[in-house]
Amino acid sequence: MQNKTKLFLIPLFCMSLNACTALKNLSQQHFPQNTINTTKVADRWQATLPHGGNSANLAQFWQQYQDPLLLKLIEAAQKESSSIATANSRIAQARATRTQANAALTPTVDGSVSASRSVQQPATSIGGSQQGNIGGGSGAFNNAQISAQASWELDIFGVNRGAFEASKAQENATLASWHEARVSVAAETANAYFNQRFCSTQANVLEADVISRTETLRLTNIAVKAGFSAPANSHLAEASLADARQQRTAQMAQCDLDVKALVALTAIDEATLREKLNQQDFVRLHESTNNLFTLNEIPAQVIAQRPDIYAAEADLVSAAADIQTTYASSLPKVSLNGSIGWMWLSGSGFSTNGKTWSLGPISITFPIYHPGVKEATLASSEAKYEEKASIYRSKVRTAVKEVEDALVNLHSANSRQADIAQAIQSYQASFDAMQTKVNAGFANLIDLEDQRRVLLNARTNAINNQKQQAVAWVSLYRAAGGGWDKTEKFKTEQLETGSTP
C-alpha cells in the first residue's frame, strides 16, 4: 500500500515543481512593475512652472480662493453627484471581492442542526390484535444532531494569494477613483462657477458699451440734423448700437445658462442660487490667486500621484493575477474536509448520545481532457494584460499632456496679465485726457465715447484673461491629482461625509 502511495505522490510532486516553474515564468513575463518601470516619462516638464507658490497648497487648493460660496457649491455638487455615488458602489463591490479572496485562503466552516422522528418499519396486526414486533415493527426512532463541517483548498501554487493581493489593489484603486470623481466634480463645479461669474462681469461691460453707443447715436443724430455730419454716419451709429444690443442679449442668455448649469450640478433652487450670487462680490476675491501652488516634483512623481494612474496600475495587477489563475486551473487542486459534532439517538428500548467526527476525504482533482480550453483562455488573459498595459501607457502620456497644457495656458495668462494691465492704464489715461479736452472745448463728445469704448474693449480682454487664468489653475489642479497622496491611508469617514478635497 505504501509503495502504491509513493508511486502516486512522486508524479504529483514532479508536476507541482513544473507548475511552480511555469507560474514563475508567467509572473516574470507579465510583471506589472516591469510595465510601469519601462513606461517612459520625460525627466522634466516641457513647460514653464508657476513660481511663488507652495506645493503643499495643492491640498488646500479651494480654500485659497477665500470664496465661501464656491466651497458651498462644490460641497453640494459632491453630495448630488451620480459619479461619486457610482464610485461608492464600486468601493463596496471591491471590498466584497477582497473579502471573498481572503476567505479562499482560509478554511471555511459551516454548521448544521437537524432532528427527526421516524418509524423504520410499522407494527403489524393479526386477527385484529396489534403486535408490536410481529413482522419486524421497531416503534418510533428519534435522531438529533449538531455538527460543524470544515473544508480547505490548499493554496499550493500561491494562486489564491495572488488573487487576494490583486483584490486589495483593486479596492485601493476604487478608493482612488472615488477621490478622482470628487476632484472631477469639484473642478467641473468651479469651472461652471467661474464661467457664470466672469460672464456677469462681461455683461456689465457690454451694458456700458450699449450705453456709450446709445449716447453716440444721440450725438450723431444732433450733428446730422445740424448739417455737421452726413446721414450715413447716423445709420452707422444705429447699426453699431443694434450690434452692441444683440451682443449684450447673447451674453445675458449665456449667463442664465451658466446659472442653470450650477443648478443642475448642485441641486440648489435657482432663485436661492441667484440670491447667493448677487449677495457676494467676486472680482476682488480673485485678484490674489496668481500663485496658488507650484510643481516641484519631476513628471514621474507627479503622474504617480494621480488616482487614475494608480487605478490603471491596479488593473495591471489584476490582469496579471488572472493569467496565473487561468494557468492554475489546469493544475492539481488539493482539498481537505472534516467535521465534528454531537448526536443523540433513541428508539424502542434504547437511547445513546456522543461526539462524532471525521477527517477527510483529502481530495486531489486535476483536469484530464479539455481540448484547447486552457490555451484559449490563457491567450485571452494575456491579451487582456497587454490591453491594460497599453491603457496604462496611454493614461501616462495623457496625464503628462494635461499637466503641460495647463502649464502652457497658465503661463500665457500670467504673461499677458502685465501687458493687459498696462493697456488698461494707458487707455484710461488717454480717456481722461480726452475728457479734459472735451471740458475745455477742444474735442467733441463723439470722440470721447469712441475712446470710452476702446477702454471697455481693453477691460473685456482683462476679463477674458482672468477667466483663462482661473480655468488654467483648475485644470492644473485636476491634472496634478487634486492633492491625492497614495501613500496616505484612506479614511472611511471621508466616504461617509463626502468632505471637500
Protein backbone atom coordinates (compact mmCIF):
# COMPACT_ATOMS: atom_id res chain seq x y z
CA MET A 1 0.00 0.00 0.00
CA GLN A 2 2.84 2.39 0.89
CA ASN A 3 4.59 1.66 -2.41
CA LYS A 4 1.41 2.47 -4.32
CA THR A 5 1.07 5.74 -2.44
CA LYS A 6 4.64 6.68 -3.26
CA LEU A 7 4.07 5.88 -6.91
CA PHE A 8 1.14 8.29 -6.86
CA LEU A 9 2.81 11.11 -4.89
CA ILE A 10 6.09 11.18 -6.82
CA PRO A 11 4.49 12.20 -10.16
CA LEU A 12 2.31 14.68 -8.30
CA PHE A 13 5.39 16.22 -6.68
CA CYS A 14 7.16 16.48 -10.05
CA MET A 15 4.07 18.03 -11.56
CA SER A 16 3.99 20.59 -8.76
CA LEU A 17 7.63 21.56 -9.38
CA ASN A 18 6.98 22.00 -13.09
CA ALA A 19 3.86 24.06 -12.35
CA CYS A 20 5.74 26.34 -9.95
CA THR A 21 8.42 26.93 -12.57
CA ALA A 22 5.81 27.73 -15.22
CA LEU A 23 3.99 30.12 -12.87
CA LYS A 24 7.27 31.87 -12.09
CA ASN A 25 7.97 32.32 -15.80
CA LEU A 26 4.47 33.71 -16.31
CA SER A 27 4.98 36.15 -13.44
CA GLN A 28 8.25 37.40 -14.90
CA GLN A 29 6.76 37.77 -18.36
CA HIS A 30 3.66 39.63 -17.17
CA PHE A 31 5.00 41.54 -14.19
CA PRO A 32 3.12 44.85 -13.63
CA GLN A 33 6.11 46.65 -12.13
CA ASN A 34 8.15 45.94 -15.26
CA THR A 35 5.45 47.59 -17.37
CA ILE A 36 5.39 50.59 -15.03
CA ASN A 37 9.17 50.94 -14.96
CA THR A 38 9.56 50.69 -18.73
CA THR A 39 6.89 53.32 -19.45
CA LYS A 40 8.93 56.33 -20.47
CA VAL A 41 8.18 59.71 -18.87
CA ALA A 42 10.14 62.89 -19.57
CA ASP A 43 12.71 63.76 -16.92
CA ARG A 44 11.43 67.34 -16.72
CA TRP A 45 8.41 69.42 -17.68
CA GLN A 46 8.45 70.86 -21.18
CA ALA A 47 6.56 73.94 -19.97
CA THR A 48 7.11 76.84 -17.59
CA LEU A 49 6.27 76.04 -13.98
CA PRO A 50 4.37 78.53 -11.80
CA HIS A 51 6.54 80.44 -9.36
CA GLY A 52 5.89 81.80 -5.90
CA GLY A 53 3.52 79.06 -4.84
CA ASN A 54 3.91 76.20 -2.41
CA SER A 55 3.36 72.57 -3.40
CA ALA A 56 1.69 71.98 -0.02
CA ASN A 57 -1.06 74.41 -1.06
CA LEU A 58 -2.34 71.81 -3.51
CA ALA A 59 -4.10 70.01 -0.65
CA GLN A 60 -5.90 73.23 0.35
CA PHE A 61 -6.49 74.46 -3.16
CA TRP A 62 -10.11 75.63 -2.96
CA GLN A 63 -9.72 77.32 0.43
CA GLN A 64 -7.12 79.69 -1.06
CA TYR A 65 -9.81 81.42 -3.10
CA GLN A 66 -11.38 82.66 0.14
CA ASP A 67 -14.76 82.26 -1.52
CA PRO A 68 -17.34 80.70 0.84
CA LEU A 69 -19.92 80.36 -1.93
CA LEU A 70 -17.51 78.39 -4.12
CA LEU A 71 -16.89 75.93 -1.27
CA LYS A 72 -20.61 75.54 -0.62
CA LEU A 73 -21.32 74.87 -4.28
CA ILE A 74 -18.57 72.25 -4.50
CA GLU A 75 -19.84 70.52 -1.37
CA ALA A 76 -23.41 70.50 -2.68
CA ALA A 77 -22.30 69.16 -6.08
CA GLN A 78 -20.36 66.32 -4.49
CA LYS A 79 -23.37 65.27 -2.43
CA GLU A 80 -25.54 65.16 -5.54
CA SER A 81 -23.02 63.66 -7.94
CA SER A 82 -24.00 60.38 -9.56
CA SER A 83 -20.35 59.65 -10.42
CA ILE A 84 -19.39 59.80 -6.74
CA ALA A 85 -22.33 57.57 -5.86
CA THR A 86 -21.14 55.11 -8.51
CA ALA A 87 -17.63 55.25 -7.04
CA ASN A 88 -19.05 54.47 -3.59
CA SER A 89 -20.90 51.48 -5.04
CA ARG A 90 -17.71 50.20 -6.66
CA ILE A 91 -15.87 50.54 -3.36
CA ALA A 92 -18.46 48.31 -1.69
CA GLN A 93 -18.15 45.77 -4.52
CA ALA A 94 -14.35 45.81 -4.32
CA ARG A 95 -14.46 45.25 -0.57
CA ALA A 96 -16.78 42.30 -1.07
CA THR A 97 -14.40 40.84 -3.67
CA ARG A 98 -11.45 41.31 -1.34
CA THR A 99 -13.33 39.56 1.48
CA GLN A 100 -14.13 36.63 -0.80
CA ALA A 101 -10.50 36.41 -1.96
CA ASN A 102 -9.31 36.42 1.65
CA ALA A 103 -11.81 33.67 2.53
CA ALA A 104 -10.27 31.46 -0.17
CA LEU A 105 -7.01 31.45 1.82
CA THR A 106 -8.59 30.08 5.00
CA PRO A 107 -10.76 27.09 5.86
CA THR A 108 -14.49 27.54 5.62
CA VAL A 109 -16.68 26.27 8.45
CA ASP A 110 -20.41 25.59 8.22
CA GLY A 111 -22.70 24.44 10.98
CA SER A 112 -25.82 22.32 10.82
CA VAL A 113 -28.54 21.27 13.26
CA SER A 114 -31.03 18.52 12.48
CA ALA A 115 -33.70 16.49 14.29
CA SER A 116 -36.05 13.76 13.13
CA ARG A 117 -38.57 11.21 14.42
CA SER A 118 -39.45 8.21 12.28
CA VAL A 119 -40.70 4.66 12.23
CA GLN A 120 -38.39 2.36 10.32
CA GLN A 121 -41.00 -0.45 9.99
CA PRO A 122 -44.61 -0.17 11.26
CA ALA A 123 -46.11 -2.82 13.56
CA THR A 124 -48.47 -5.37 12.04
CA SER A 125 -51.73 -6.79 13.44
CA ILE A 126 -53.03 -10.38 13.24
CA GLY A 127 -56.60 -11.30 13.84
CA GLY A 128 -57.49 -7.76 14.92
CA SER A 129 -54.86 -7.56 17.68
CA GLN A 130 -51.77 -5.35 17.25
CA GLN A 131 -48.42 -6.98 17.93
CA GLY A 132 -45.60 -4.55 18.39
CA ASN A 133 -42.76 -6.63 16.98
CA ILE A 134 -44.53 -9.11 14.74
CA GLY A 135 -43.34 -8.56 11.18
CA GLY A 136 -40.34 -6.52 12.34
CA GLY A 137 -42.06 -3.37 13.71
CA SER A 138 -39.49 -1.38 15.70
CA GLY A 139 -41.54 1.57 17.02
CA ALA A 140 -40.51 5.25 16.91
CA PHE A 141 -36.91 6.22 16.28
CA ASN A 142 -35.54 9.66 17.32
CA ASN A 143 -32.43 11.34 15.92
CA ALA A 144 -30.90 14.74 16.82
CA GLN A 145 -27.56 16.02 15.60
CA ILE A 146 -25.47 19.18 15.70
CA SER A 147 -22.19 19.43 13.78
CA ALA A 148 -19.66 21.70 12.15
CA GLN A 149 -18.05 20.92 8.79
CA ALA A 150 -14.78 22.44 7.63
CA SER A 151 -13.21 22.44 4.19
CA TRP A 152 -9.97 23.95 2.93
CA GLU A 153 -8.43 24.15 -0.51
CA LEU A 154 -4.66 24.29 -0.05
CA ASP A 155 -3.06 27.18 -1.94
CA ILE A 156 -0.09 25.13 -3.13
CA PHE A 157 0.82 27.34 -6.09
CA GLY A 158 0.03 30.70 -4.46
CA VAL A 159 -2.78 31.49 -6.87
CA ASN A 160 -5.29 32.43 -4.18
CA ARG A 161 -2.69 34.63 -2.51
CA GLY A 162 -2.12 36.42 -5.81
CA ALA A 163 -5.86 36.90 -6.27
CA PHE A 164 -6.10 38.33 -2.77
CA GLU A 165 -3.30 40.83 -3.42
CA ALA A 166 -4.99 41.81 -6.69
CA SER A 167 -8.31 42.33 -4.91
CA LYS A 168 -6.60 44.59 -2.35
CA ALA A 169 -5.08 46.61 -5.19
CA GLN A 170 -8.49 46.91 -6.82
CA GLU A 171 -10.03 48.08 -3.55
CA ASN A 172 -7.41 50.80 -3.22
CA ALA A 173 -7.98 51.65 -6.88
CA THR A 174 -11.71 52.15 -6.28
CA LEU A 175 -10.89 54.40 -3.34
CA ALA A 176 -8.56 56.37 -5.60
CA SER A 177 -11.30 56.51 -8.25
CA TRP A 178 -13.64 57.91 -5.61
CA HIS A 179 -11.16 60.70 -4.97
CA GLU A 180 -10.78 61.24 -8.71
CA ALA A 181 -14.56 61.56 -9.00
CA ARG A 182 -14.61 64.12 -6.20
CA VAL A 183 -11.81 66.12 -7.82
CA SER A 184 -13.57 65.99 -11.19
CA VAL A 185 -16.88 67.14 -9.73
CA ALA A 186 -15.15 69.94 -7.82
CA ALA A 187 -13.31 71.08 -10.95
CA GLU A 188 -16.47 70.95 -13.07
CA THR A 189 -18.39 72.95 -10.47
CA ALA A 190 -15.60 75.52 -10.12
CA ASN A 191 -15.42 75.99 -13.87
CA ALA A 192 -19.19 76.48 -14.04
CA TYR A 193 -18.97 78.95 -11.17
CA PHE A 194 -16.13 80.91 -12.78
CA ASN A 195 -17.93 80.91 -16.14
CA GLN A 196 -21.02 82.43 -14.55
CA ARG A 197 -19.06 85.00 -12.56
CA PHE A 198 -16.93 86.19 -15.45
CA CYS A 199 -19.99 86.11 -17.70
CA SER A 200 -21.79 88.51 -15.36
CA THR A 201 -18.74 90.77 -15.23
CA GLN A 202 -18.55 90.81 -19.01
CA ALA A 203 -22.29 91.53 -19.20
CA ASN A 204 -21.71 94.69 -17.15
CA VAL A 205 -19.03 95.79 -19.62
CA LEU A 206 -21.37 95.15 -22.55
CA GLU A 207 -24.08 97.13 -20.80
CA ALA A 208 -21.68 100.07 -20.52
CA ASP A 209 -20.87 99.62 -24.22
CA VAL A 210 -24.56 99.82 -25.12
CA ILE A 211 -24.93 102.98 -23.08
CA SER A 212 -21.91 104.51 -24.84
CA ARG A 213 -23.19 103.63 -28.30
CA THR A 214 -26.64 104.98 -27.40
CA GLU A 215 -25.01 108.28 -26.49
CA THR A 216 -23.01 108.23 -29.73
CA LEU A 217 -26.20 107.73 -31.74
CA ARG A 218 -27.87 110.63 -29.94
CA LEU A 219 -24.94 112.95 -30.57
CA THR A 220 -24.61 111.82 -34.20
CA ASN A 221 -28.31 112.49 -34.88
CA ILE A 222 -27.89 116.01 -33.47
CA ALA A 223 -24.89 116.58 -35.72
CA VAL A 224 -26.77 115.25 -38.77
CA LYS A 225 -29.78 117.48 -38.11
CA ALA A 226 -27.49 120.48 -37.73
CA GLY A 227 -25.78 119.65 -41.02
CA PHE A 228 -22.39 118.95 -39.47
CA SER A 229 -22.41 115.22 -40.28
CA ALA A 230 -23.53 113.03 -43.15
CA PRO A 231 -26.72 110.92 -42.72
CA ALA A 232 -24.62 107.80 -43.33
CA ASN A 233 -22.89 108.38 -40.00
CA SER A 234 -26.26 108.20 -38.27
CA HIS A 235 -27.02 104.87 -39.94
CA LEU A 236 -23.60 103.57 -38.95
CA ALA A 237 -24.12 104.60 -35.32
CA GLU A 238 -27.56 102.99 -35.30
CA ALA A 239 -26.17 99.71 -36.71
CA SER A 240 -23.36 99.80 -34.15
CA LEU A 241 -25.88 100.21 -31.33
CA ALA A 242 -28.03 97.32 -32.62
CA ASP A 243 -24.96 95.07 -32.80
CA ALA A 244 -23.98 96.00 -29.23
CA ARG A 245 -27.51 95.23 -28.01
CA GLN A 246 -27.54 91.77 -29.58
CA GLN A 247 -24.15 91.03 -28.01
CA ARG A 248 -25.50 92.08 -24.62
CA THR A 249 -28.59 89.90 -25.09
CA ALA A 250 -26.49 86.88 -26.09
CA GLN A 251 -24.19 87.45 -23.11
CA MET A 252 -27.12 87.64 -20.68
CA ALA A 253 -28.54 84.41 -22.12
CA GLN A 254 -25.18 82.71 -21.62
CA CYS A 255 -25.13 83.92 -18.01
CA ASP A 256 -28.58 82.39 -17.47
CA LEU A 257 -27.35 79.10 -18.96
CA ASP A 258 -24.36 79.15 -16.59
CA VAL A 259 -26.69 79.58 -13.62
CA LYS A 260 -28.79 76.64 -14.78
CA ALA A 261 -25.61 74.56 -15.14
CA LEU A 262 -24.82 75.30 -11.49
CA VAL A 263 -28.37 74.38 -10.50
CA ALA A 264 -28.03 71.04 -12.30
CA LEU A 265 -24.71 70.33 -10.58
CA THR A 266 -25.69 71.36 -7.06
CA ALA A 267 -29.49 70.77 -6.94
CA ILE A 268 -29.84 74.20 -5.29
CA ASP A 269 -33.06 76.07 -6.06
CA GLU A 270 -32.41 78.58 -8.84
CA ALA A 271 -33.95 81.52 -7.01
CA THR A 272 -31.84 80.75 -3.93
CA LEU A 273 -28.71 80.37 -6.02
CA ARG A 274 -29.26 83.67 -7.83
CA GLU A 275 -29.73 85.38 -4.48
CA LYS A 276 -26.45 83.96 -3.20
CA LEU A 277 -24.63 85.02 -6.37
CA ASN A 278 -25.97 88.56 -6.05
CA GLN A 279 -25.03 88.82 -2.39
CA GLN A 280 -21.32 88.05 -2.81
CA ASP A 281 -18.71 90.08 -4.63
CA PHE A 282 -16.43 88.11 -6.93
CA VAL A 283 -13.76 90.04 -8.76
CA ARG A 284 -11.86 91.37 -5.74
CA LEU A 285 -11.71 87.91 -4.15
CA HIS A 286 -9.64 86.52 -7.00
CA GLU A 287 -7.00 89.19 -7.55
CA SER A 288 -4.52 87.38 -5.25
CA THR A 289 -4.78 83.92 -6.86
CA ASN A 290 -1.85 84.21 -9.24
CA ASN A 291 0.32 81.63 -7.45
CA LEU A 292 -1.83 79.01 -5.75
CA PHE A 293 0.73 76.19 -5.78
CA THR A 294 3.80 75.01 -7.67
CA LEU A 295 5.07 71.70 -9.00
CA ASN A 296 8.49 70.99 -7.57
CA GLU A 297 8.49 67.28 -8.48
CA ILE A 298 9.60 65.72 -11.74
CA PRO A 299 6.87 64.47 -14.10
CA ALA A 300 7.13 60.83 -13.00
CA GLN A 301 6.49 61.78 -9.36
CA VAL A 302 3.52 63.99 -10.19
CA ILE A 303 1.97 61.43 -12.52
CA ALA A 304 2.34 58.68 -9.90
CA GLN A 305 0.17 60.75 -7.54
CA ARG A 306 -2.78 60.81 -9.93
CA PRO A 307 -5.59 58.49 -8.81
CA ASP A 308 -6.43 57.41 -12.36
CA ILE A 309 -2.83 56.27 -12.92
CA TYR A 310 -2.92 54.38 -9.63
CA ALA A 311 -6.16 52.69 -10.74
CA ALA A 312 -4.51 51.73 -14.04
CA GLU A 313 -1.66 50.14 -12.06
CA ALA A 314 -4.21 48.11 -10.10
CA ASP A 315 -5.75 46.93 -13.37
CA LEU A 316 -2.32 45.61 -14.38
CA VAL A 317 -2.00 43.71 -11.09
CA SER A 318 -5.47 42.24 -11.55
CA ALA A 319 -4.77 41.23 -15.16
CA ALA A 320 -1.52 39.53 -14.11
CA ALA A 321 -3.39 37.62 -11.40
CA ASP A 322 -5.96 36.50 -13.98
CA ILE A 323 -3.17 34.97 -16.07
CA GLN A 324 -1.91 32.94 -13.12
CA THR A 325 -5.42 31.92 -12.14
CA THR A 326 -6.14 30.77 -15.69
CA TYR A 327 -2.96 28.71 -15.83
CA ALA A 328 -3.57 27.26 -12.36
CA SER A 329 -6.99 25.99 -13.44
CA SER A 330 -5.14 23.14 -15.20
CA LEU A 331 -3.08 22.25 -12.14
CA PRO A 332 -3.96 19.79 -9.38
CA LYS A 333 -6.13 21.09 -6.54
CA VAL A 334 -5.87 19.63 -3.07
CA SER A 335 -8.83 19.92 -0.70
CA LEU A 336 -9.14 18.81 2.89
CA ASN A 337 -12.50 18.19 4.58
CA GLY A 338 -13.52 17.32 8.10
CA SER A 339 -16.36 17.58 10.61
CA ILE A 340 -17.06 17.39 14.33
CA GLY A 341 -20.40 17.18 16.12
CA TRP A 342 -22.70 15.63 18.69
CA MET A 343 -25.51 13.12 18.08
CA TRP A 344 -28.41 11.78 20.16
CA LEU A 345 -30.29 8.63 19.19
CA SER A 346 -33.26 6.97 20.88
CA GLY A 347 -35.68 4.25 19.99
CA SER A 348 -37.71 1.42 21.42
CA GLY A 349 -35.79 0.35 24.49
CA PHE A 350 -32.53 2.26 23.86
CA SER A 351 -31.04 5.79 24.00
CA THR A 352 -27.50 6.98 23.35
CA ASN A 353 -25.52 10.14 22.58
CA GLY A 354 -21.94 11.19 21.99
CA LYS A 355 -19.41 13.00 19.85
CA THR A 356 -18.94 12.36 16.16
CA TRP A 357 -16.06 13.39 13.95
CA SER A 358 -14.47 12.68 10.63
CA LEU A 359 -11.27 13.69 8.85
CA GLY A 360 -11.27 13.58 5.10
CA PRO A 361 -11.58 12.94 2.43
CA ILE A 362 -8.36 14.52 1.21
CA SER A 363 -9.18 15.02 -2.45
CA ILE A 364 -6.90 15.81 -5.36
CA THR A 365 -8.59 16.92 -8.57
CA PHE A 366 -6.99 17.77 -11.89
CA PRO A 367 -8.29 18.15 -15.43
CA ILE A 368 -7.66 15.31 -17.84
CA TYR A 369 -9.13 16.28 -21.17
CA HIS A 370 -10.35 19.78 -22.03
CA PRO A 371 -9.24 20.23 -25.64
CA GLY A 372 -7.91 23.74 -26.31
CA VAL A 373 -9.73 25.37 -23.39
CA LYS A 374 -6.64 26.18 -21.33
CA GLU A 375 -4.68 27.56 -24.29
CA ALA A 376 -7.56 29.74 -25.49
CA THR A 377 -8.35 31.10 -22.02
CA LEU A 378 -4.68 31.77 -21.31
CA ALA A 379 -4.27 33.59 -24.62
CA SER A 380 -7.32 35.70 -23.75
CA SER A 381 -5.89 36.58 -20.33
CA GLU A 382 -2.52 37.52 -21.82
CA ALA A 383 -4.22 39.70 -24.43
CA LYS A 384 -6.18 41.39 -21.63
CA TYR A 385 -2.92 42.12 -19.80
CA GLU A 386 -1.43 43.68 -22.93
CA GLU A 387 -4.58 45.77 -23.30
CA LYS A 388 -4.29 47.02 -19.70
CA ALA A 389 -0.59 47.74 -20.23
CA SER A 390 -1.39 49.77 -23.34
CA ILE A 391 -4.12 51.64 -21.46
CA TYR A 392 -1.68 52.39 -18.65
CA ARG A 393 0.93 53.80 -21.03
CA SER A 394 -1.74 55.86 -22.80
CA LYS A 395 -3.00 57.26 -19.49
CA VAL A 396 0.53 58.28 -18.52
CA ARG A 397 1.04 60.12 -21.82
CA THR A 398 -2.35 61.79 -21.47
CA ALA A 399 -1.60 62.80 -17.89
CA VAL A 400 1.68 64.46 -18.91
CA LYS A 401 -0.12 66.28 -21.74
CA GLU A 402 -2.89 67.51 -19.41
CA VAL A 403 -0.36 68.92 -16.94
CA GLU A 404 1.71 70.62 -19.63
CA ASP A 405 -1.39 72.01 -21.41
CA ALA A 406 -2.49 73.58 -18.13
CA LEU A 407 1.03 74.94 -17.54
CA VAL A 408 1.13 76.50 -21.02
CA ASN A 409 -2.28 78.16 -20.59
CA LEU A 410 -1.41 79.36 -17.11
CA HIS A 411 1.93 80.80 -18.24
CA SER A 412 0.25 82.51 -21.18
CA ALA A 413 -2.39 84.10 -18.94
CA ASN A 414 0.20 85.20 -16.39
CA SER A 415 2.45 86.64 -19.08
CA ARG A 416 -0.38 88.60 -20.71
CA GLN A 417 -1.63 89.98 -17.42
CA ALA A 418 1.02 92.70 -17.08
CA ASP A 419 0.56 93.90 -20.68
CA ILE A 420 -3.22 93.95 -20.33
CA ALA A 421 -2.95 95.91 -17.10
CA GLN A 422 -0.60 98.39 -18.82
CA ALA A 423 -3.01 98.71 -21.73
CA ILE A 424 -5.92 99.48 -19.42
CA GLN A 425 -3.85 102.04 -17.53
CA SER A 426 -2.78 103.78 -20.75
CA TYR A 427 -6.26 103.70 -22.26
CA GLN A 428 -7.63 105.14 -19.02
CA ALA A 429 -5.07 107.93 -19.15
CA SER A 430 -5.99 108.61 -22.77
CA PHE A 431 -9.68 108.69 -21.88
CA ASP A 432 -9.04 111.09 -19.01
CA ALA A 433 -7.06 113.33 -21.37
CA MET A 434 -9.89 113.26 -23.88
CA GLN A 435 -12.32 114.15 -21.11
CA THR A 436 -10.16 117.15 -20.26
CA LYS A 437 -10.16 118.23 -23.91
CA VAL A 438 -13.95 117.93 -24.07
CA ASN A 439 -14.34 120.03 -20.95
CA ALA A 440 -12.01 122.64 -22.43
CA GLY A 441 -13.88 122.63 -25.76
CA PHE A 442 -11.03 121.17 -27.82
CA ALA A 443 -12.76 117.80 -28.56
CA ASN A 444 -16.31 116.61 -29.10
CA LEU A 445 -18.38 114.13 -27.15
CA ILE A 446 -18.47 111.62 -30.02
CA ASP A 447 -14.68 111.26 -29.85
CA LEU A 448 -14.99 110.82 -26.09
CA GLU A 449 -17.43 107.92 -26.50
CA ASP A 450 -15.18 106.31 -29.10
CA GLN A 451 -12.33 106.50 -26.59
CA ARG A 452 -14.58 105.07 -23.89
CA ARG A 453 -15.35 102.00 -25.99
CA VAL A 454 -11.64 101.41 -26.61
CA LEU A 455 -11.20 101.38 -22.83
CA LEU A 456 -14.15 98.97 -22.45
CA ASN A 457 -12.60 96.63 -25.03
CA ALA A 458 -9.38 96.57 -23.02
CA ARG A 459 -11.38 95.66 -19.91
CA THR A 460 -13.01 92.85 -21.88
CA ASN A 461 -9.55 91.49 -22.66
CA ALA A 462 -8.69 91.65 -18.96
CA ILE A 463 -11.83 89.72 -18.02
CA ASN A 464 -11.15 87.02 -20.63
CA ASN A 465 -7.57 86.68 -19.42
CA GLN A 466 -8.67 86.38 -15.78
CA LYS A 467 -11.11 83.66 -16.83
CA GLN A 468 -8.36 81.80 -18.73
CA GLN A 469 -6.14 82.06 -15.68
CA ALA A 470 -8.83 80.68 -13.36
CA VAL A 471 -9.65 77.79 -15.71
CA ALA A 472 -5.95 77.01 -16.15
CA TRP A 473 -5.43 76.77 -12.39
CA VAL A 474 -8.39 74.41 -12.05
CA SER A 475 -7.06 72.30 -14.94
CA LEU A 476 -3.61 72.15 -13.36
CA TYR A 477 -5.13 71.19 -10.00
CA ARG A 478 -7.05 68.38 -11.63
CA ALA A 479 -4.13 67.24 -13.80
CA ALA A 480 -1.84 67.08 -10.75
CA GLY A 481 -4.20 64.66 -9.00
CA GLY A 482 -6.01 67.13 -6.78
CA GLY A 483 -3.57 66.72 -3.92
CA TRP A 484 -4.22 63.00 -3.57
CA ASP A 485 -1.40 61.00 -1.98
CA LYS A 486 -1.46 57.24 -2.44
CA THR A 487 0.93 56.78 0.50
CA GLU A 488 -1.71 58.06 2.92
CA LYS A 489 -4.30 55.70 4.35
CA PHE A 490 -7.84 56.14 3.14
CA LYS A 491 -10.29 57.18 5.83
CA THR A 492 -13.75 55.67 5.92
CA GLU A 493 -15.22 58.82 7.43
CA GLN A 494 -14.29 60.69 4.26
CA LEU A 495 -16.58 58.40 2.30
CA GLU A 496 -19.38 59.00 4.76
CA THR A 497 -19.07 62.78 4.94
CA GLY A 498 -18.02 63.46 1.36
CA SER A 499 -15.66 66.20 2.57
CA THR A 500 -14.38 68.74 0.04
CA PRO A 501 -10.94 67.82 -1.38
